[in-house]
Amino acid sequence: MGDPDSDAATSDAGSEATDGAAARADERGRPGADEDPDAGQATAEAGSATATDDAGPPTPEELREAVEAKYDFENFGPADMAEMTAEEWDAVFDADSWITGEALLDRVERDLRARIEDRDVFAVLERDVVDGERCLLAYSDEGYAVVYPDGSIEGRGTVLRDVKPSVALASMDSYEVPDVPPDAGQLPDPDEVPERSGELGSRMMQVVGAIQLLAGLGLFVAWLAFGLSVVAPVAAFGFVLFGVFIFVVVANARLSDRFRAEEYRNRLRDAGVRSGERPSFVPGGERETGSNDTGEEPRDGPPGEPVNGAGPE
């Protein structure tokens, strides 16, 4: 039989060892006991970023669904076309369905002629050969645009901005190009631009002003001749003042029409409408194309690809 004191000591030592091991195990198993909390948060954020990178870019199906939800294709117009990016265009439109070649040039020319006829675009339209390719050339006194059979376009200024939507829409088979007469879309000769518009309205305003003046003068004479009340000269002054105001408005409108007409004639002359000579910055014809002094912008991407969200250019 063992010593009771020895057994008790052995039991106490075992209990202390067990408690110590349990405490160490609990300390090792407790999250963050030996770690910096900030380091743990950084690790979690890094893991989240890694998971996001692993997801990758959206699939073509996901991008197509997002574009279809963003745009209303039943009422799709030039403003929406200009807003679209090249990736969005590729996601929703089939490149094989785009119209190219001579048919595209014909459709673009018809669309631009209709817009020029409506005074929505100011440009001269011509067929030419640039860089060995038959193309459609649109130019004005401020810029130009060259449309190639593959749908690409180059140029500068407001003409390039105006032509891009027509190229994008005309390349779509679903777009109905307006029918225009062969002579439509021609800019007028500078000498044929009238100086005044609305001649009937101007004459009517002058008649009204003359009536006001006569009424004022007649009322003033009646006040002097018949000794009317003091209201008569006040009313006469009002009639005269209103008549003078109408004549001033008519004169200002005539001067404004004259200045606008002269400015329009100068733009037509600078665009070479009467002389038949193109501005110096326009390529094609007898000029050497591709030189750096023309201010040309490089072609917007490979042939047939959409550019700046403006369709297949």
C-alpha atoms as a PDB file:
ATOM      1  CA  MET A   1       0.000   0.000   0.000  1.00  0.00           C
ATOM      2  CA  GLY A   2       1.436   3.408  -1.012  1.00  0.00           C
ATOM      3  CA  ASP A   3       1.963   6.466   1.038  1.00  0.00           C
ATOM      4  CA  PRO A   4      -1.171   8.700   1.066  1.00  0.00           C
ATOM      5  CA  ASP A   5       0.883  11.875   1.089  1.00  0.00           C
ATOM      6  CA  SER A   6       2.867  10.734  -1.938  1.00  0.00           C
ATOM      7  CA  ASP A   7      -0.326   9.895  -3.861  1.00  0.00           C
ATOM      8  CA  ALA A   8      -1.833  13.299  -3.058  1.00  0.00           C
ATOM      9  CA  ALA A   9       1.280  15.110  -4.285  1.00  0.00           C
ATOM     10  CA  THR A  10       1.271  13.095  -7.481  1.00  0.00           C
ATOM     11  CA  SER A  11      -2.416  13.909  -8.058  1.00  0.00           C
ATOM     12  CA  ASP A  12      -1.857  17.631  -7.500  1.00  0.00           C
ATOM     13  CA  ALA A  13       1.095  17.677  -9.935  1.00  0.00           C
ATOM     14  CA  GLY A  14      -0.947  15.902 -12.603  1.00  0.00           C
ATOM     15  CA  SER A  15      -3.819  18.334 -12.156  1.00  0.00           C
ATOM     16  CA  GLU A  16      -1.482  21.327 -12.518  1.00  0.00           C
ATOM     17  CA  ALA A  17       0.072  19.841 -15.673  1.00  0.00           C
ATOM     18  CA  THR A  18      -3.355  19.194 -17.164  1.00  0.00           C
ATOM     19  CA  ASP A  19      -4.546  22.710 -16.370  1.00  0.00           C
ATOM     20  CA  GLY A  20      -1.364  24.198 -17.841  1.00  0.00           C
ATOM     21  CA  ALA A  21      -1.686  22.184 -21.054  1.00  0.00           C
ATOM     22  CA  ALA A  22      -5.334  23.158 -21.409  1.00  0.00           C
ATOM     23  CA  ALA A  23      -4.476  26.842 -20.882  1.00  0.00           C
ATOM     24  CA  ARG A  24      -1.720  26.679 -23.520  1.00  0.00           C
ATOM     25  CA  ALA A  25      -3.998  24.871 -25.931  1.00  0.00           C
ATOM     26  CA  ASP A  26      -6.762  27.413 -25.361  1.00  0.00           C
ATOM     27  CA  GLU A  27      -4.299  30.259 -25.905  1.00  0.00           C
ATOM     28  CA  ARG A  28      -3.044  28.721 -29.147  1.00  0.00           C
ATOM     29  CA  GLY A  29      -6.570  28.082 -30.405  1.00  0.00           C
ATOM     30  CA  ARG A  30      -7.975  31.508 -29.566  1.00  0.00           C
ATOM     31  CA  PRO A  31      -8.101  33.603 -32.804  1.00  0.00           C
ATOM     32  CA  GLY A  32      -5.743  36.534 -32.842  1.00  0.00           C
ATOM     33  CA  ALA A  33      -4.118  35.692 -29.506  1.00  0.00           C
ATOM     34  CA  ASP A  34      -0.641  35.888 -30.996  1.00  0.00           C
ATOM     35  CA  GLU A  35      -1.569  38.042 -34.038  1.00  0.00           C
ATOM     36  CA  ASP A  36      -1.962  41.740 -34.688  1.00  0.00           C
ATOM     37  CA  PRO A  37      -5.645  42.635 -35.341  1.00  0.00           C
ATOM     38  CA  ASP A  38      -4.619  45.063 -38.106  1.00  0.00           C
ATOM     39  CA  ALA A  39      -2.624  42.329 -39.789  1.00  0.00           C
ATOM     40  CA  GLY A  40      -5.675  40.085 -39.760  1.00  0.00           C
ATOM     41  CA  GLN A  41      -7.839  42.760 -41.349  1.00  0.00           C
ATOM     42  CA  ALA A  42      -5.229  43.362 -44.053  1.00  0.00           C
ATOM     43  CA  THR A  43      -5.137  39.648 -44.788  1.00  0.00           C
ATOM     44  CA  ALA A  44      -8.921  39.578 -45.145  1.00  0.00           C
ATOM     45  CA  GLU A  45      -8.895  42.557 -47.514  1.00  0.00           C
ATOM     46  CA  ALA A  46      -6.163  40.976 -49.603  1.00  0.00           C
ATOM     47  CA  GLY A  47      -8.197  37.817 -49.846  1.00  0.00           C
ATOM     48  CA  SER A  48     -11.242  39.790 -50.982  1.00  0.00           C
ATOM     49  CA  ALA A  49      -9.206  41.571 -53.654  1.00  0.00           C
ATOM     50  CA  THR A  50      -7.801  38.271 -54.859  1.00  0.00           C
ATOM     51  CA  ALA A  51     -11.295  36.865 -55.135  1.00  0.00           C
ATOM     52  CA  THR A  52     -12.374  39.895 -57.188  1.00  0.00           C
ATOM     53  CA  ASP A  53      -9.402  39.560 -59.534  1.00  0.00           C
ATOM     54  CA  ASP A  54     -10.145  35.901 -60.017  1.00  0.00           C
ATOM     55  CA  ALA A  55     -13.667  36.797 -61.189  1.00  0.00           C
ATOM     56  CA  GLY A  56     -12.194  38.506 -64.280  1.00  0.00           C
ATOM     57  CA  PRO A  57     -13.966  40.846 -66.762  1.00  0.00           C
ATOM     58  CA  PRO A  58     -17.663  40.334 -67.552  1.00  0.00           C
ATOM     59  CA  THR A  59     -18.522  37.717 -70.135  1.00  0.00           C
ATOM     60  CA  PRO A  60     -19.986  38.792 -73.520  1.00  0.00           C
ATOM     61  CA  GLU A  61     -23.406  37.591 -72.376  1.00  0.00           C
ATOM     62  CA  GLU A  62     -23.231  39.681 -69.188  1.00  0.00           C
ATOM     63  CA  LEU A  63     -22.039  42.738 -71.130  1.00  0.00           C
ATOM     64  CA  ARG A  64     -24.812  42.279 -73.704  1.00  0.00           C
ATOM     65  CA  GLU A  65     -27.445  42.119 -70.965  1.00  0.00           C
ATOM     66  CA  ALA A  66     -26.042  45.273 -69.348  1.00  0.00           C
ATOM     67  CA  VAL A  67     -26.063  47.192 -72.654  1.00  0.00           C
ATOM     68  CA  GLU A  68     -29.606  46.081 -73.489  1.00  0.00           C
ATOM     69  CA  ALA A  69     -30.745  47.284 -70.075  1.00  0.00           C
ATOM     70  CA  LYS A  70     -28.934  50.627 -70.507  1.00  0.00           C
ATOM     71  CA  TYR A  71     -30.211  51.609 -73.980  1.00  0.00           C
ATOM     72  CA  ASP A  72     -33.673  51.641 -75.524  1.00  0.00           C
ATOM     73  CA  PHE A  73     -33.019  50.063 -78.921  1.00  0.00           C
ATOM     74  CA  GLU A  74     -36.590  50.656 -80.074  1.00  0.00           C
ATOM     75  CA  ASN A  75     -35.882  54.408 -79.986  1.00  0.00           C
ATOM     76  CA  PHE A  76     -32.175  54.253 -80.766  1.00  0.00           C
ATOM     77  CA  GLY A  77     -30.763  57.436 -82.326  1.00  0.00           C
ATOM     78  CA  PRO A  78     -27.531  59.324 -83.023  1.00  0.00           C
ATOM     79  CA  ALA A  79     -27.265  60.572 -79.429  1.00  0.00           C
ATOM     80  CA  ASP A  80     -27.302  57.006 -78.102  1.00  0.00           C
ATOM     81  CA  MET A  81     -24.867  55.956 -80.811  1.00  0.00           C
ATOM     82  CA  ALA A  82     -22.390  58.649 -79.783  1.00  0.00           C
ATOM     83  CA  GLU A  83     -22.635  57.568 -76.131  1.00  0.00           C
ATOM     84  CA  MET A  84     -21.863  53.899 -76.799  1.00  0.00           C
ATOM     85  CA  THR A  85     -18.340  52.610 -76.404  1.00  0.00           C
ATOM     86  CA  ALA A  86     -16.637  50.242 -78.818  1.00  0.00           C
ATOM     87  CA  GLU A  87     -17.006  47.343 -76.365  1.00  0.00           C
ATOM     88  CA  GLU A  88     -20.740  47.983 -75.991  1.00  0.00           C
ATOM     89  CA  TRP A  89     -21.160  48.161 -79.768  1.00  0.00           C
ATOM     90  CA  ASP A  90     -19.361  44.843 -80.281  1.00  0.00           C
ATOM     91  CA  ALA A  91     -21.465  43.227 -77.551  1.00  0.00           C
ATOM     92  CA  VAL A  92     -24.883  43.939 -79.072  1.00  0.00           C
ATOM     93  CA  PHE A  93     -24.312  44.281 -82.832  1.00  0.00           C
ATOM     94  CA  ASP A  94     -23.282  41.566 -85.229  1.00  0.00           C
ATOM     95  CA  ALA A  95     -20.370  42.719 -87.375  1.00  0.00           C
ATOM     96  CA  ASP A  96     -21.457  40.450 -90.236  1.00  0.00           C
ATOM     97  CA  SER A  97     -24.710  42.403 -90.576  1.00  0.00           C
ATOM     98  CA  TRP A  98     -23.004  45.793 -91.192  1.00  0.00           C
ATOM     99  CA  ILE A  99     -23.376  47.322 -94.648  1.00  0.00           C
ATOM    100  CA  THR A 100     -20.061  48.198 -96.275  1.00  0.00           C
ATOM    101  CA  GLY A 101     -18.657  48.985 -99.691  1.00  0.00           C
ATOM    102  CA  GLU A 102     -20.299  51.138-102.326  1.00  0.00           C
ATOM    103  CA  ALA A 103     -23.711  50.516-100.800  1.00  0.00           C
ATOM    104  CA  LEU A 104     -22.554  52.148 -97.556  1.00  0.00           C
ATOM    105  CA  LEU A 105     -21.229  55.194 -99.392  1.00  0.00           C
ATOM    106  CA  ASP A 106     -24.533  55.574-101.260  1.00  0.00           C
ATOM    107  CA  ARG A 107     -26.556  55.335 -98.045  1.00  0.00           C
ATOM    108  CA  VAL A 108     -24.331  57.806 -96.201  1.00  0.00           C
ATOM    109  CA  GLU A 109     -24.511  60.249 -99.107  1.00  0.00           C
ATOM    110  CA  ARG A 110     -28.307  60.088 -99.206  1.00  0.00           C
ATOM    111  CA  ASP A 111     -28.567  60.578 -95.447  1.00  0.00           C
ATOM    112  CA  LEU A 112     -26.190  63.538 -95.482  1.00  0.00           C
ATOM    113  CA  ARG A 113     -27.983  65.134 -98.436  1.00  0.00           C
ATOM    114  CA  ALA A 114     -31.233  64.959 -96.503  1.00  0.00           C
ATOM    115  CA  ARG A 115     -29.601  66.555 -93.458  1.00  0.00           C
ATOM    116  CA  ILE A 116     -27.976  69.283 -95.585  1.00  0.00           C
ATOM    117  CA  GLU A 117     -31.333  69.995 -97.216  1.00  0.00           C
ATOM    118  CA  ASP A 118     -32.861  70.391 -93.739  1.00  0.00           C
ATOM    119  CA  ARG A 119     -29.976  72.711 -92.758  1.00  0.00           C
ATOM    120  CA  ASP A 120     -28.923  70.252 -90.081  1.00  0.00           C
ATOM    121  CA  VAL A 121     -25.441  69.898 -91.623  1.00  0.00           C
ATOM    122  CA  PHE A 122     -23.326  72.501 -93.420  1.00  0.00           C
ATOM    123  CA  ALA A 123     -21.029  70.688 -95.848  1.00  0.00           C
ATOM    124  CA  VAL A 124     -20.171  70.087 -99.491  1.00  0.00           C
ATOM    125  CA  LEU A 125     -20.472  66.451-100.612  1.00  0.00           C
ATOM    126  CA  GLU A 126     -18.221  64.947-103.288  1.00  0.00           C
ATOM    127  CA  ARG A 127     -17.009  61.537-104.414  1.00  0.00           C
ATOM    128  CA  ASP A 128     -13.242  61.293-104.598  1.00  0.00           C
ATOM    129  CA  VAL A 129     -10.276  58.943-104.360  1.00  0.00           C
ATOM    130  CA  VAL A 130      -8.145  59.312-101.233  1.00  0.00           C
ATOM    131  CA  ASP A 131      -5.162  57.054-100.530  1.00  0.00           C
ATOM    132  CA  GLY A 132      -6.118  54.972-103.529  1.00  0.00           C
ATOM    133  CA  GLU A 133      -9.645  54.253-102.236  1.00  0.00           C
ATOM    134  CA  ARG A 134     -12.926  55.540-103.623  1.00  0.00           C
ATOM    135  CA  CYS A 135     -14.609  57.440-100.809  1.00  0.00           C
ATOM    136  CA  LEU A 136     -17.181  60.040 -99.874  1.00  0.00           C
ATOM    137  CA  LEU A 137     -15.780  63.453 -98.976  1.00  0.00           C
ATOM    138  CA  ALA A 138     -17.691  66.030 -96.938  1.00  0.00           C
ATOM    139  CA  TYR A 139     -16.085  69.382 -96.146  1.00  0.00           C
ATOM    140  CA  SER A 140     -16.859  72.939 -95.120  1.00  0.00           C
ATOM    141  CA  ASP A 141     -14.898  76.042 -94.236  1.00  0.00           C
ATOM    142  CA  GLU A 142     -14.083  74.590 -90.788  1.00  0.00           C
ATOM    143  CA  GLY A 143     -13.390  70.884 -91.257  1.00  0.00           C
ATOM    144  CA  TYR A 144     -13.829  67.747 -93.329  1.00  0.00           C
ATOM    145  CA  ALA A 145     -14.649  64.058 -93.125  1.00  0.00           C
ATOM    146  CA  VAL A 146     -13.589  61.205 -95.405  1.00  0.00           C
ATOM    147  CA  VAL A 147     -15.803  58.095 -95.355  1.00  0.00           C
ATOM    148  CA  TYR A 148     -14.204  54.904 -96.684  1.00  0.00           C
ATOM    149  CA  PRO A 149     -16.076  51.878 -98.067  1.00  0.00           C
ATOM    150  CA  ASP A 150     -15.205  49.756 -95.014  1.00  0.00           C
ATOM    151  CA  GLY A 151     -16.983  52.218 -92.719  1.00  0.00           C
ATOM    152  CA  SER A 152     -13.882  53.883 -91.303  1.00  0.00           C
ATOM    153  CA  ILE A 153     -13.789  57.653 -91.174  1.00  0.00           C
ATOM    154  CA  GLU A 154     -11.165  60.330 -90.698  1.00  0.00           C
ATOM    155  CA  GLY A 155     -11.268  64.099 -90.542  1.00  0.00           C
ATOM    156  CA  ARG A 156     -11.541  67.010 -88.173  1.00  0.00           C
ATOM    157  CA  GLY A 157     -13.873  69.756 -87.004  1.00  0.00           C
ATOM    158  CA  THR A 158     -17.640  69.951 -86.863  1.00  0.00           C
ATOM    159  CA  VAL A 159     -18.068  68.090 -90.155  1.00  0.00           C
ATOM    160  CA  LEU A 160     -16.473  64.968 -88.673  1.00  0.00           C
ATOM    161  CA  ARG A 161     -18.790  65.229 -85.668  1.00  0.00           C
ATOM    162  CA  ASP A 162     -21.848  65.572 -87.915  1.00  0.00           C
ATOM    163  CA  VAL A 163     -20.908  62.764 -90.303  1.00  0.00           C
ATOM    164  CA  LYS A 164     -20.166  60.084 -87.697  1.00  0.00           C
ATOM    165  CA  PRO A 165     -23.818  59.419 -86.720  1.00  0.00           C
ATOM    166  CA  SER A 166     -24.808  59.124 -90.395  1.00  0.00           C
ATOM    167  CA  VAL A 167     -22.086  56.539 -91.033  1.00  0.00           C
ATOM    168  CA  ALA A 168     -23.068  54.517 -87.989  1.00  0.00           C
ATOM    169  CA  LEU A 169     -26.781  54.529 -88.805  1.00  0.00           C
ATOM    170  CA  ALA A 170     -26.334  53.925 -92.539  1.00  0.00           C
ATOM    171  CA  SER A 171     -24.251  50.822 -91.825  1.00  0.00           C
ATOM    172  CA  MET A 172     -27.243  49.213 -90.071  1.00  0.00           C
ATOM    173  CA  ASP A 173     -29.638  47.343 -92.341  1.00  0.00           C
ATOM    174  CA  SER A 174     -32.569  48.226 -90.083  1.00  0.00           C
ATOM    175  CA  TYR A 175     -32.051  51.965 -90.632  1.00  0.00           C
ATOM    176  CA  GLU A 176     -34.203  53.446 -93.404  1.00  0.00           C
ATOM    177  CA  VAL A 177     -32.263  56.092 -95.281  1.00  0.00           C
ATOM    178  CA  PRO A 178     -34.512  58.990 -96.394  1.00  0.00           C
ATOM    179  CA  ASP A 179     -35.240  59.320-100.102  1.00  0.00           C
ATOM    180  CA  VAL A 180     -34.072  62.636-101.538  1.00  0.00           C
ATOM    181  CA  PRO A 181     -34.084  64.086-105.060  1.00  0.00           C
ATOM    182  CA  PRO A 182     -30.789  63.980-106.972  1.00  0.00           C
ATOM    183  CA  ASP A 183     -30.337  67.742-106.660  1.00  0.00           C
ATOM    184  CA  ALA A 184     -31.079  67.828-102.912  1.00  0.00           C
ATOM    185  CA  GLY A 185     -28.392  68.660-100.401  1.00  0.00           C
ATOM    186  CA  GLN A 186     -26.674  71.297-102.545  1.00  0.00           C
ATOM    187  CA  LEU A 187     -25.475  74.432-100.814  1.00  0.00           C
ATOM    188  CA  PRO A 188     -26.744  77.626-102.484  1.00  0.00           C
ATOM    189  CA  ASP A 189     -24.628  80.033-104.465  1.00  0.00           C
ATOM    190  CA  PRO A 190     -23.445  82.922-102.262  1.00  0.00           C
ATOM    191  CA  ASP A 191     -25.111  85.497-104.511  1.00  0.00           C
ATOM    192  CA  GLU A 192     -28.446  83.688-104.236  1.00  0.00           C
ATOM    193  CA  VAL A 193     -28.658  84.047-100.455  1.00  0.00           C
ATOM    194  CA  PRO A 194     -31.374  86.612 -99.650  1.00  0.00           C
ATOM    195  CA  GLU A 195     -30.633  89.393 -97.203  1.00  0.00           C
ATOM    196  CA  ARG A 196     -34.057  89.351 -95.588  1.00  0.00           C
ATOM    197  CA  SER A 197     -36.426  86.645 -94.449  1.00  0.00           C
ATOM    198  CA  GLY A 198     -40.050  86.989 -93.441  1.00  0.00           C
ATOM    199  CA  GLU A 199     -40.728  90.016 -95.617  1.00  0.00           C
ATOM    200  CA  LEU A 200     -44.499  89.749 -95.074  1.00  0.00           C
ATOM    201  CA  GLY A 201     -44.111  89.802 -91.292  1.00  0.00           C
ATOM    202  CA  SER A 202     -41.770  92.772 -91.498  1.00  0.00           C
ATOM    203  CA  ARG A 203     -44.248  94.751 -93.588  1.00  0.00           C
ATOM    204  CA  MET A 204     -47.077  93.917 -91.217  1.00  0.00           C
ATOM    205  CA  MET A 205     -45.029  95.192 -88.282  1.00  0.00           C
ATOM    206  CA  GLN A 206     -44.315  98.416 -90.148  1.00  0.00           C
ATOM    207  CA  VAL A 207     -48.024  98.912 -90.865  1.00  0.00           C
ATOM    208  CA  VAL A 208     -48.859  98.411 -87.184  1.00  0.00           C
ATOM    209  CA  GLY A 209     -46.148 100.872 -86.167  1.00  0.00           C
ATOM    210  CA  ALA A 210     -47.383 103.471 -88.650  1.00  0.00           C
ATOM    211  CA  ILE A 211     -50.946 103.131 -87.337  1.00  0.00           C
ATOM    212  CA  GLN A 212     -49.709 103.675 -83.791  1.00  0.00           C
ATOM    213  CA  LEU A 213     -47.841 106.821 -84.812  1.00  0.00           C
ATOM    214  CA  LEU A 214     -50.816 108.239 -86.712  1.00  0.00           C
ATOM    215  CA  ALA A 215     -53.152 107.492 -83.808  1.00  0.00           C
ATOM    216  CA  GLY A 216     -50.834 109.256 -81.372  1.00  0.00           C
ATOM    217  CA  LEU A 217     -50.394 112.314 -83.586  1.00  0.00           C
ATOM    218  CA  GLY A 218     -54.150 112.507 -84.288  1.00  0.00           C
ATOM    219  CA  LEU A 219     -54.992 112.318 -80.594  1.00  0.00           C
ATOM    220  CA  PHE A 220     -52.472 115.046 -79.792  1.00  0.00           C
ATOM    221  CA  VAL A 221     -53.911 117.333 -82.486  1.00  0.00           C
ATOM    222  CA  ALA A 222     -57.447 116.695 -81.191  1.00  0.00           C
ATOM    223  CA  TRP A 223     -56.328 117.657 -77.681  1.00  0.00           C
ATOM    224  CA  LEU A 224     -54.944 120.947 -78.995  1.00  0.00           C
ATOM    225  CA  ALA A 225     -57.956 121.696 -81.206  1.00  0.00           C
ATOM    226  CA  PHE A 226     -60.829 120.666 -78.976  1.00  0.00           C
ATOM    227  CA  GLY A 227     -59.350 121.067 -75.508  1.00  0.00           C
ATOM    228  CA  LEU A 228     -59.722 117.449 -74.422  1.00  0.00           C
ATOM    229  CA  SER A 229     -58.798 116.281 -70.944  1.00  0.00           C
ATOM    230  CA  VAL A 230     -55.247 115.812 -69.810  1.00  0.00           C
ATOM    231  CA  VAL A 231     -55.567 112.074 -70.493  1.00  0.00           C
ATOM    232  CA  ALA A 232     -55.471 112.742 -74.260  1.00  0.00           C
ATOM    233  CA  PRO A 233     -51.816 113.926 -74.494  1.00  0.00           C
ATOM    234  CA  VAL A 234     -50.679 111.102 -72.206  1.00  0.00           C
ATOM    235  CA  ALA A 235     -52.415 108.532 -74.424  1.00  0.00           C
ATOM    236  CA  ALA A 236     -51.020 110.214 -77.535  1.00  0.00           C
ATOM    237  CA  PHE A 237     -47.483 109.960 -76.132  1.00  0.00           C
ATOM    238  CA  GLY A 238     -48.044 106.261 -75.417  1.00  0.00           C
ATOM    239  CA  PHE A 239     -49.191 105.599 -78.988  1.00  0.00           C
ATOM    240  CA  VAL A 240     -46.216 107.433 -80.459  1.00  0.00           C
ATOM    241  CA  LEU A 241     -43.763 105.681 -78.158  1.00  0.00           C
ATOM    242  CA  PHE A 242     -45.166 102.241 -79.038  1.00  0.00           C
ATOM    243  CA  GLY A 243     -45.006 103.032 -82.780  1.00  0.00           C
ATOM    244  CA  VAL A 244     -41.373 104.118 -82.516  1.00  0.00           C
ATOM    245  CA  PHE A 245     -40.576 100.926 -80.593  1.00  0.00           C
ATOM    246  CA  ILE A 246     -42.052  98.764 -83.377  1.00  0.00           C
ATOM    247  CA  PHE A 247     -40.003 100.562 -86.035  1.00  0.00           C
ATOM    248  CA  VAL A 248     -36.831 100.058 -83.958  1.00  0.00           C
ATOM    249  CA  VAL A 249     -37.566  96.332 -83.673  1.00  0.00           C
ATOM    250  CA  VAL A 250     -38.092  96.061 -87.441  1.00  0.00           C
ATOM    251  CA  ALA A 251     -34.873  97.949 -88.168  1.00  0.00           C
ATOM    252  CA  ASN A 252     -32.893  95.737 -85.784  1.00  0.00           C
ATOM    253  CA  ALA A 253     -34.314  92.591 -87.395  1.00  0.00           C
ATOM    254  CA  ARG A 254     -33.363  93.827 -90.848  1.00  0.00           C
ATOM    255  CA  LEU A 255     -29.796  94.588 -89.726  1.00  0.00           C
ATOM    256  CA  SER A 256     -29.513  91.177 -88.056  1.00  0.00           C
ATOM    257  CA  ASP A 257     -30.753  89.441 -91.217  1.00  0.00           C
ATOM    258  CA  ARG A 258     -28.254  91.369 -93.287  1.00  0.00           C
ATOM    259  CA  PHE A 259     -25.337  90.433 -91.010  1.00  0.00           C
ATOM    260  CA  ARG A 260     -26.379  86.768 -90.877  1.00  0.00           C
ATOM    261  CA  ALA A 261     -26.776  86.623 -94.646  1.00  0.00           C
ATOM    262  CA  GLU A 262     -23.333  88.139 -95.165  1.00  0.00           C
ATOM    263  CA  GLU A 263     -21.771  85.714 -92.707  1.00  0.00           C
ATOM    264  CA  TYR A 264     -23.455  82.792 -94.492  1.00  0.00           C
ATOM    265  CA  ARG A 265     -22.177  84.049 -97.869  1.00  0.00           C
ATOM    266  CA  ASN A 266     -18.635  84.245 -96.497  1.00  0.00           C
ATOM    267  CA  ARG A 267     -18.853  80.661 -95.234  1.00  0.00           C
ATOM    268  CA  LEU A 268     -20.082  79.494 -98.635  1.00  0.00           C
ATOM    269  CA  ARG A 269     -17.223  81.299-100.381  1.00  0.00           C
ATOM    270  CA  ASP A 270     -14.652  79.878 -97.926  1.00  0.00           C
ATOM    271  CA  ALA A 271     -16.009  76.385 -98.579  1.00  0.00           C
ATOM    272  CA  GLY A 272     -15.445  76.914-102.306  1.00  0.00           C
ATOM    273  CA  VAL A 273     -19.105  76.679-103.336  1.00  0.00           C
ATOM    274  CA  ARG A 274     -18.763  79.301-106.051  1.00  0.00           C
ATOM    275  CA  SER A 275     -15.110  78.925-107.031  1.00  0.00           C
ATOM    276  CA  GLY A 276     -15.095  75.130-106.964  1.00  0.00           C
ATOM    277  CA  GLU A 277     -11.816  75.133-105.026  1.00  0.00           C
ATOM    278  CA  ARG A 278     -11.584  73.160-101.820  1.00  0.00           C
ATOM    279  CA  PRO A 279     -10.090  74.630 -98.643  1.00  0.00           C
ATOM    280  CA  SER A 280      -6.374  73.987 -98.288  1.00  0.00           C
ATOM    281  CA  PHE A 281      -6.761  71.503 -95.424  1.00  0.00           C
ATOM    282  CA  VAL A 282      -9.105  69.140 -97.332  1.00  0.00           C
ATOM    283  CA  PRO A 283      -7.369  66.030 -98.769  1.00  0.00           C
ATOM    284  CA  GLY A 284      -8.055  64.465-102.159  1.00  0.00           C
ATOM    285  CA  GLY A 285      -8.124  65.878-105.666  1.00  0.00           C
ATOM    286  CA  GLU A 286      -4.766  67.223-106.776  1.00  0.00           C
ATOM    287  CA  ARG A 287      -3.447  67.548-103.229  1.00  0.00           C
ATOM    288  CA  GLU A 288      -1.103  65.003-101.745  1.00  0.00           C
ATOM    289  CA  THR A 289      -2.809  63.107 -98.965  1.00  0.00           C
ATOM    290  CA  GLY A 290      -1.207  61.920 -95.780  1.00  0.00           C
ATOM    291  CA  SER A 291       1.019  64.971 -95.263  1.00  0.00           C
ATOM    292  CA  ASN A 292       1.332  66.373 -91.773  1.00  0.00           C
ATOM    293  CA  ASP A 293       0.428  69.924 -92.746  1.00  0.00           C
ATOM    294  CA  THR A 294      -3.224  69.060 -93.460  1.00  0.00           C
ATOM    295  CA  GLY A 295      -4.109  68.693 -89.806  1.00  0.00           C
ATOM    296  CA  GLU A 296      -5.519  65.232 -90.417  1.00  0.00           C
ATOM    297  CA  GLU A 297      -6.332  62.936 -87.575  1.00  0.00           C
ATOM    298  CA  PRO A 298      -5.275  59.309 -87.927  1.00  0.00           C
ATOM    299  CA  ARG A 299      -7.861  56.775 -88.873  1.00  0.00           C
ATOM    300  CA  ASP A 300      -9.985  55.828 -85.917  1.00  0.00           C
ATOM    301  CA  GLY A 301      -8.877  52.257 -85.407  1.00  0.00           C
ATOM    302  CA  PRO A 302      -8.621  49.302 -87.776  1.00  0.00           C
ATOM    303  CA  PRO A 303     -10.956  49.258 -90.791  1.00  0.00           C
ATOM    304  CA  GLY A 304     -14.509  48.355 -89.992  1.00  0.00           C
ATOM    305  CA  GLU A 305     -14.252  48.723 -86.213  1.00  0.00           C
ATOM    306  CA  PRO A 306     -16.482  51.088 -84.212  1.00  0.00           C
ATOM    307  CA  VAL A 307     -14.868  54.261 -82.977  1.00  0.00           C
ATOM    308  CA  ASN A 308     -15.621  56.500 -79.980  1.00  0.00           C
ATOM    309  CA  GLY A 309     -18.987  54.876 -79.514  1.00  0.00           C
ATOM    310  CA  ALA A 310     -20.155  56.214 -82.865  1.00  0.00           C
ATOM    311  CA  GLY A 311     -20.749  52.966 -84.684  1.00  0.00           C
ATOM    312  CA  PRO A 312     -18.671  50.965 -87.116  1.00  0.00           C
ATOM    313  CA  GLU A 313     -16.149  53.426 -88.423  1.00  0.00           C
END
